[in-house]
PDB file of all heavy atoms in Angstrom:
ATOM      1  N   LEU A   1      13.936 -16.029 -25.647  1.00  0.00           N
ATOM      2  CA  LEU A   1      15.271 -16.240 -26.184  1.00  0.00           C
ATOM      3  C   LEU A   1      15.304 -17.612 -26.825  1.00  0.00           C
ATOM      4  O   LEU A   1      14.800 -18.580 -26.272  1.00  0.00           O
ATOM      5  CB  LEU A   1      16.320 -16.173 -25.082  1.00  0.00           C
ATOM      6  CG  LEU A   1      16.482 -14.835 -24.378  1.00  0.00           C
ATOM      7  CD1 LEU A   1      17.502 -14.942 -23.269  1.00  0.00           C
ATOM      8  CD2 LEU A   1      16.880 -13.760 -25.363  1.00  0.00           C
ATOM      9  N   ALA A   2      15.916 -17.696 -27.984  1.00  0.00           N
ATOM     10  CA  ALA A   2      16.004 -18.977 -28.677  1.00  0.00           C
ATOM     11  C   ALA A   2      17.112 -19.831 -28.063  1.00  0.00           C
ATOM     12  O   ALA A   2      18.193 -19.328 -27.746  1.00  0.00           O
ATOM     13  CB  ALA A   2      16.286 -18.738 -30.154  1.00  0.00           C
ATOM     14  N   GLY A   3      16.830 -21.129 -27.876  1.00  0.00           N
ATOM     15  CA  GLY A   3      17.839 -22.047 -27.359  1.00  0.00           C
ATOM     16  C   GLY A   3      18.275 -21.687 -25.961  1.00  0.00           C
ATOM     17  O   GLY A   3      17.477 -21.313 -25.107  1.00  0.00           O
ATOM     18  N   SER A   4      19.562 -21.773 -25.707  1.00  0.00           N
ATOM     19  CA  SER A   4      20.087 -21.489 -24.365  1.00  0.00           C
ATOM     20  C   SER A   4      20.892 -20.195 -24.374  1.00  0.00           C
ATOM     21  O   SER A   4      21.945 -20.117 -23.767  1.00  0.00           O
ATOM     22  CB  SER A   4      20.950 -22.657 -23.889  1.00  0.00           C
ATOM     23  OG  SER A   4      22.025 -22.852 -24.793  1.00  0.00           O
ATOM     24  N   ASN A   5      20.402 -19.210 -25.075  1.00  0.00           N
ATOM     25  CA  ASN A   5      21.101 -17.932 -25.147  1.00  0.00           C
ATOM     26  C   ASN A   5      21.029 -17.197 -23.821  1.00  0.00           C
ATOM     27  O   ASN A   5      20.125 -17.410 -23.016  1.00  0.00           O
ATOM     28  CB  ASN A   5      20.509 -17.057 -26.259  1.00  0.00           C
ATOM     29  CG  ASN A   5      20.790 -17.637 -27.628  1.00  0.00           C
ATOM     30  OD1 ASN A   5      21.927 -17.970 -27.917  1.00  0.00           O
ATOM     31  ND2 ASN A   5      19.765 -17.779 -28.440  1.00  0.00           N
ATOM     32  N   SER A   6      21.968 -16.310 -23.584  1.00  0.00           N
ATOM     33  CA  SER A   6      22.026 -15.505 -22.378  1.00  0.00           C
ATOM     34  C   SER A   6      21.706 -14.061 -22.705  1.00  0.00           C
ATOM     35  O   SER A   6      21.822 -13.636 -23.852  1.00  0.00           O
ATOM     36  CB  SER A   6      23.433 -15.570 -21.766  1.00  0.00           C
ATOM     37  OG  SER A   6      23.760 -16.885 -21.420  1.00  0.00           O
ATOM     38  N   ILE A   7      21.344 -13.318 -21.688  1.00  0.00           N
ATOM     39  CA  ILE A   7      21.113 -11.882 -21.834  1.00  0.00           C
ATOM     40  C   ILE A   7      22.327 -11.165 -21.255  1.00  0.00           C
ATOM     41  O   ILE A   7      22.719 -11.417 -20.119  1.00  0.00           O
ATOM     42  CB  ILE A   7      19.845 -11.432 -21.081  1.00  0.00           C
ATOM     43  CG1 ILE A   7      18.612 -12.097 -21.668  1.00  0.00           C
ATOM     44  CG2 ILE A   7      19.706  -9.922 -21.125  1.00  0.00           C
ATOM     45  CD1 ILE A   7      17.343 -11.818 -20.894  1.00  0.00           C
ATOM     46  N   PHE A   8      22.919 -10.284 -22.032  1.00  0.00           N
ATOM     47  CA  PHE A   8      24.016  -9.460 -21.559  1.00  0.00           C
ATOM     48  C   PHE A   8      23.547  -8.020 -21.634  1.00  0.00           C
ATOM     49  O   PHE A   8      23.121  -7.550 -22.689  1.00  0.00           O
ATOM     50  CB  PHE A   8      25.266  -9.655 -22.434  1.00  0.00           C
ATOM     51  CG  PHE A   8      25.826 -11.035 -22.354  1.00  0.00           C
ATOM     52  CD1 PHE A   8      25.470 -11.998 -23.283  1.00  0.00           C
ATOM     53  CD2 PHE A   8      26.687 -11.384 -21.339  1.00  0.00           C
ATOM     54  CE1 PHE A   8      25.976 -13.274 -23.217  1.00  0.00           C
ATOM     55  CE2 PHE A   8      27.206 -12.665 -21.253  1.00  0.00           C
ATOM     56  CZ  PHE A   8      26.852 -13.618 -22.189  1.00  0.00           C
ATOM     57  N   LEU A   9      23.610  -7.312 -20.499  1.00  0.00           N
ATOM     58  CA  LEU A   9      23.136  -5.932 -20.453  1.00  0.00           C
ATOM     59  C   LEU A   9      24.307  -4.986 -20.249  1.00  0.00           C
ATOM     60  O   LEU A   9      25.198  -5.257 -19.458  1.00  0.00           O
ATOM     61  CB  LEU A   9      22.143  -5.742 -19.299  1.00  0.00           C
ATOM     62  CG  LEU A   9      20.872  -6.575 -19.362  1.00  0.00           C
ATOM     63  CD1 LEU A   9      20.073  -6.395 -18.093  1.00  0.00           C
ATOM     64  CD2 LEU A   9      20.052  -6.195 -20.573  1.00  0.00           C
ATOM     65  N   GLY A  10      24.265  -3.869 -20.928  1.00  0.00           N
ATOM     66  CA  GLY A  10      25.263  -2.839 -20.723  1.00  0.00           C
ATOM     67  C   GLY A  10      24.771  -1.783 -19.752  1.00  0.00           C
ATOM     68  O   GLY A  10      25.517  -0.917 -19.351  1.00  0.00           O
ATOM     69  N   GLY A  11      23.506  -1.882 -19.356  1.00  0.00           N
ATOM     70  CA  GLY A  11      22.916  -0.891 -18.459  1.00  0.00           C
ATOM     71  C   GLY A  11      22.227  -1.549 -17.293  1.00  0.00           C
ATOM     72  O   GLY A  11      22.784  -2.400 -16.624  1.00  0.00           O
ATOM     73  N   LYS A  12      20.982  -1.209 -17.075  1.00  0.00           N
ATOM     74  CA  LYS A  12      20.239  -1.721 -15.935  1.00  0.00           C
ATOM     75  C   LYS A  12      18.883  -2.230 -16.377  1.00  0.00           C
ATOM     76  O   LYS A  12      18.417  -1.917 -17.474  1.00  0.00           O
ATOM     77  CB  LYS A  12      20.071  -0.648 -14.867  1.00  0.00           C
ATOM     78  CG  LYS A  12      19.194   0.520 -15.307  1.00  0.00           C
ATOM     79  CD  LYS A  12      18.982   1.511 -14.183  1.00  0.00           C
ATOM     80  CE  LYS A  12      18.000   2.590 -14.604  1.00  0.00           C
ATOM     81  NZ  LYS A  12      17.565   3.394 -13.486  1.00  0.00           N
ATOM     82  N   ILE A  13      18.261  -3.018 -15.521  1.00  0.00           N
ATOM     83  CA  ILE A  13      16.870  -3.404 -15.700  1.00  0.00           C
ATOM     84  C   ILE A  13      16.069  -2.454 -14.830  1.00  0.00           C
ATOM     85  O   ILE A  13      16.307  -2.362 -13.635  1.00  0.00           O
ATOM     86  CB  ILE A  13      16.622  -4.865 -15.257  1.00  0.00           C
ATOM     87  CG1 ILE A  13      17.431  -5.818 -16.128  1.00  0.00           C
ATOM     88  CG2 ILE A  13      15.137  -5.198 -15.326  1.00  0.00           C
ATOM     89  CD1 ILE A  13      17.378  -7.257 -15.657  1.00  0.00           C
ATOM     90  N   ASP A  14      15.158  -1.724 -15.400  1.00  0.00           N
ATOM     91  CA  ASP A  14      14.388  -0.729 -14.664  1.00  0.00           C
ATOM     92  C   ASP A  14      12.927  -1.169 -14.642  1.00  0.00           C
ATOM     93  O   ASP A  14      12.287  -1.239 -15.690  1.00  0.00           O
ATOM     94  CB  ASP A  14      14.536   0.637 -15.336  1.00  0.00           C
ATOM     95  CG  ASP A  14      14.061   1.778 -14.465  1.00  0.00           C
ATOM     96  OD1 ASP A  14      13.575   1.517 -13.341  1.00  0.00           O
ATOM     97  OD2 ASP A  14      14.159   2.926 -14.909  1.00  0.00           O
ATOM     98  N   MET A  15      12.424  -1.505 -13.455  1.00  0.00           N
ATOM     99  CA  MET A  15      11.041  -1.954 -13.324  1.00  0.00           C
ATOM    100  C   MET A  15      10.357  -1.150 -12.228  1.00  0.00           C
ATOM    101  O   MET A  15      11.008  -0.670 -11.308  1.00  0.00           O
ATOM    102  CB  MET A  15      11.005  -3.445 -12.971  1.00  0.00           C
ATOM    103  CG  MET A  15      11.625  -4.302 -14.061  1.00  0.00           C
ATOM    104  SD  MET A  15      11.436  -6.081 -13.842  1.00  0.00           S
ATOM    105  CE  MET A  15      12.035  -6.393 -12.230  1.00  0.00           C
ATOM    106  N   PRO A  16       9.035  -1.017 -12.304  1.00  0.00           N
ATOM    107  CA  PRO A  16       8.321  -0.235 -11.283  1.00  0.00           C
ATOM    108  C   PRO A  16       8.295  -0.953  -9.941  1.00  0.00           C
ATOM    109  O   PRO A  16       8.494  -2.163  -9.862  1.00  0.00           O
ATOM    110  CB  PRO A  16       6.902  -0.125 -11.863  1.00  0.00           C
ATOM    111  CG  PRO A  16       6.764  -1.324 -12.732  1.00  0.00           C
ATOM    112  CD  PRO A  16       8.125  -1.581 -13.309  1.00  0.00           C
ATOM    113  N   ASP A  17       8.048  -0.183  -8.861  1.00  0.00           N
ATOM    114  CA  ASP A  17       7.838  -0.784  -7.548  1.00  0.00           C
ATOM    115  C   ASP A  17       6.597  -1.654  -7.589  1.00  0.00           C
ATOM    116  O   ASP A  17       5.702  -1.455  -8.402  1.00  0.00           O
ATOM    117  CB  ASP A  17       7.671   0.302  -6.472  1.00  0.00           C
ATOM    118  CG  ASP A  17       8.984   1.008  -6.185  1.00  0.00           C
ATOM    119  OD1 ASP A  17      10.043   0.402  -6.396  1.00  0.00           O
ATOM    120  OD2 ASP A  17       8.943   2.160  -5.734  1.00  0.00           O
ATOM    121  N   ASN A  18       6.535  -2.633  -6.685  1.00  0.00           N
ATOM    122  CA  ASN A  18       5.449  -3.612  -6.711  1.00  0.00           C
ATOM    123  C   ASN A  18       4.866  -3.787  -5.317  1.00  0.00           C
ATOM    124  O   ASN A  18       5.578  -4.139  -4.399  1.00  0.00           O
ATOM    125  CB  ASN A  18       5.993  -4.943  -7.212  1.00  0.00           C
ATOM    126  CG  ASN A  18       4.937  -6.018  -7.210  1.00  0.00           C
ATOM    127  OD1 ASN A  18       3.769  -5.725  -7.339  1.00  0.00           O
ATOM    128  ND2 ASN A  18       5.354  -7.245  -7.054  1.00  0.00           N
ATOM    129  N   ASP A  19       3.587  -3.532  -5.170  1.00  0.00           N
ATOM    130  CA  ASP A  19       2.912  -3.790  -3.895  1.00  0.00           C
ATOM    131  C   ASP A  19       2.090  -5.065  -3.948  1.00  0.00           C
ATOM    132  O   ASP A  19       1.705  -5.600  -2.921  1.00  0.00           O
ATOM    133  CB  ASP A  19       2.011  -2.607  -3.506  1.00  0.00           C
ATOM    134  CG  ASP A  19       2.825  -1.417  -3.034  1.00  0.00           C
ATOM    135  OD1 ASP A  19       3.858  -1.643  -2.387  1.00  0.00           O
ATOM    136  OD2 ASP A  19       2.436  -0.283  -3.328  1.00  0.00           O
ATOM    137  N   SER A  20       1.774  -5.566  -5.132  1.00  0.00           N
ATOM    138  CA  SER A  20       1.012  -6.810  -5.267  1.00  0.00           C
ATOM    139  C   SER A  20       1.161  -7.338  -6.681  1.00  0.00           C
ATOM    140  O   SER A  20       1.623  -6.641  -7.568  1.00  0.00           O
ATOM    141  CB  SER A  20      -0.465  -6.573  -4.961  1.00  0.00           C
ATOM    142  OG  SER A  20      -1.018  -5.686  -5.916  1.00  0.00           O
ATOM    143  N   GLY A  21       0.757  -8.578  -6.898  1.00  0.00           N
ATOM    144  CA  GLY A  21       0.851  -9.166  -8.235  1.00  0.00           C
ATOM    145  C   GLY A  21       2.274  -9.466  -8.621  1.00  0.00           C
ATOM    146  O   GLY A  21       3.149  -9.588  -7.779  1.00  0.00           O
ATOM    147  N   SER A  22       2.510  -9.565  -9.914  1.00  0.00           N
ATOM    148  CA  SER A  22       3.856  -9.900 -10.367  1.00  0.00           C
ATOM    149  C   SER A  22       4.502  -8.791 -11.179  1.00  0.00           C
ATOM    150  O   SER A  22       5.608  -8.952 -11.650  1.00  0.00           O
ATOM    151  CB  SER A  22       3.810 -11.190 -11.185  1.00  0.00           C
ATOM    152  OG  SER A  22       3.006 -11.004 -12.322  1.00  0.00           O
ATOM    153  N   ASN A  23       3.852  -7.637 -11.359  1.00  0.00           N
ATOM    154  CA  ASN A  23       4.490  -6.510 -12.040  1.00  0.00           C
ATOM    155  C   ASN A  23       5.701  -6.060 -11.251  1.00  0.00           C
ATOM    156  O   ASN A  23       5.643  -5.952 -10.031  1.00  0.00           O
ATOM    157  CB  ASN A  23       3.526  -5.331 -12.166  1.00  0.00           C
ATOM    158  CG  ASN A  23       2.806  -5.331 -13.482  1.00  0.00           C
ATOM    159  OD1 ASN A  23       3.137  -6.094 -14.370  1.00  0.00           O
ATOM    160  ND2 ASN A  23       1.814  -4.472 -13.601  1.00  0.00           N
ATOM    161  N   GLY A  24       6.777  -5.764 -11.941  1.00  0.00           N
ATOM    162  CA  GLY A  24       7.959  -5.240 -11.269  1.00  0.00           C
ATOM    163  C   GLY A  24       8.703  -6.255 -10.440  1.00  0.00           C
ATOM    164  O   GLY A  24       9.482  -5.888  -9.581  1.00  0.00           O
ATOM    165  N   LYS A  25       8.489  -7.552 -10.671  1.00  0.00           N
ATOM    166  CA  LYS A  25       9.204  -8.596  -9.932  1.00  0.00           C
ATOM    167  C   LYS A  25      10.110  -9.355 -10.877  1.00  0.00           C
ATOM    168  O   LYS A  25       9.758  -9.593 -12.028  1.00  0.00           O
ATOM    169  CB  LYS A  25       8.229  -9.619  -9.337  1.00  0.00           C
ATOM    170  CG  LYS A  25       7.527  -9.182  -8.093  1.00  0.00           C
ATOM    171  CD  LYS A  25       6.726 -10.347  -7.522  1.00  0.00           C
ATOM    172  CE  LYS A  25       6.033  -9.952  -6.248  1.00  0.00           C
ATOM    173  NZ  LYS A  25       5.287 -11.062  -5.669  1.00  0.00           N
TER     174      LYS A  25
END
């Protein structure tokens, strides 16, 4: 994101389950 912009979502953030590493975190 450029500068100090914010993220506004109309839905959800969908990420996979995570057993290790940083995926889905």
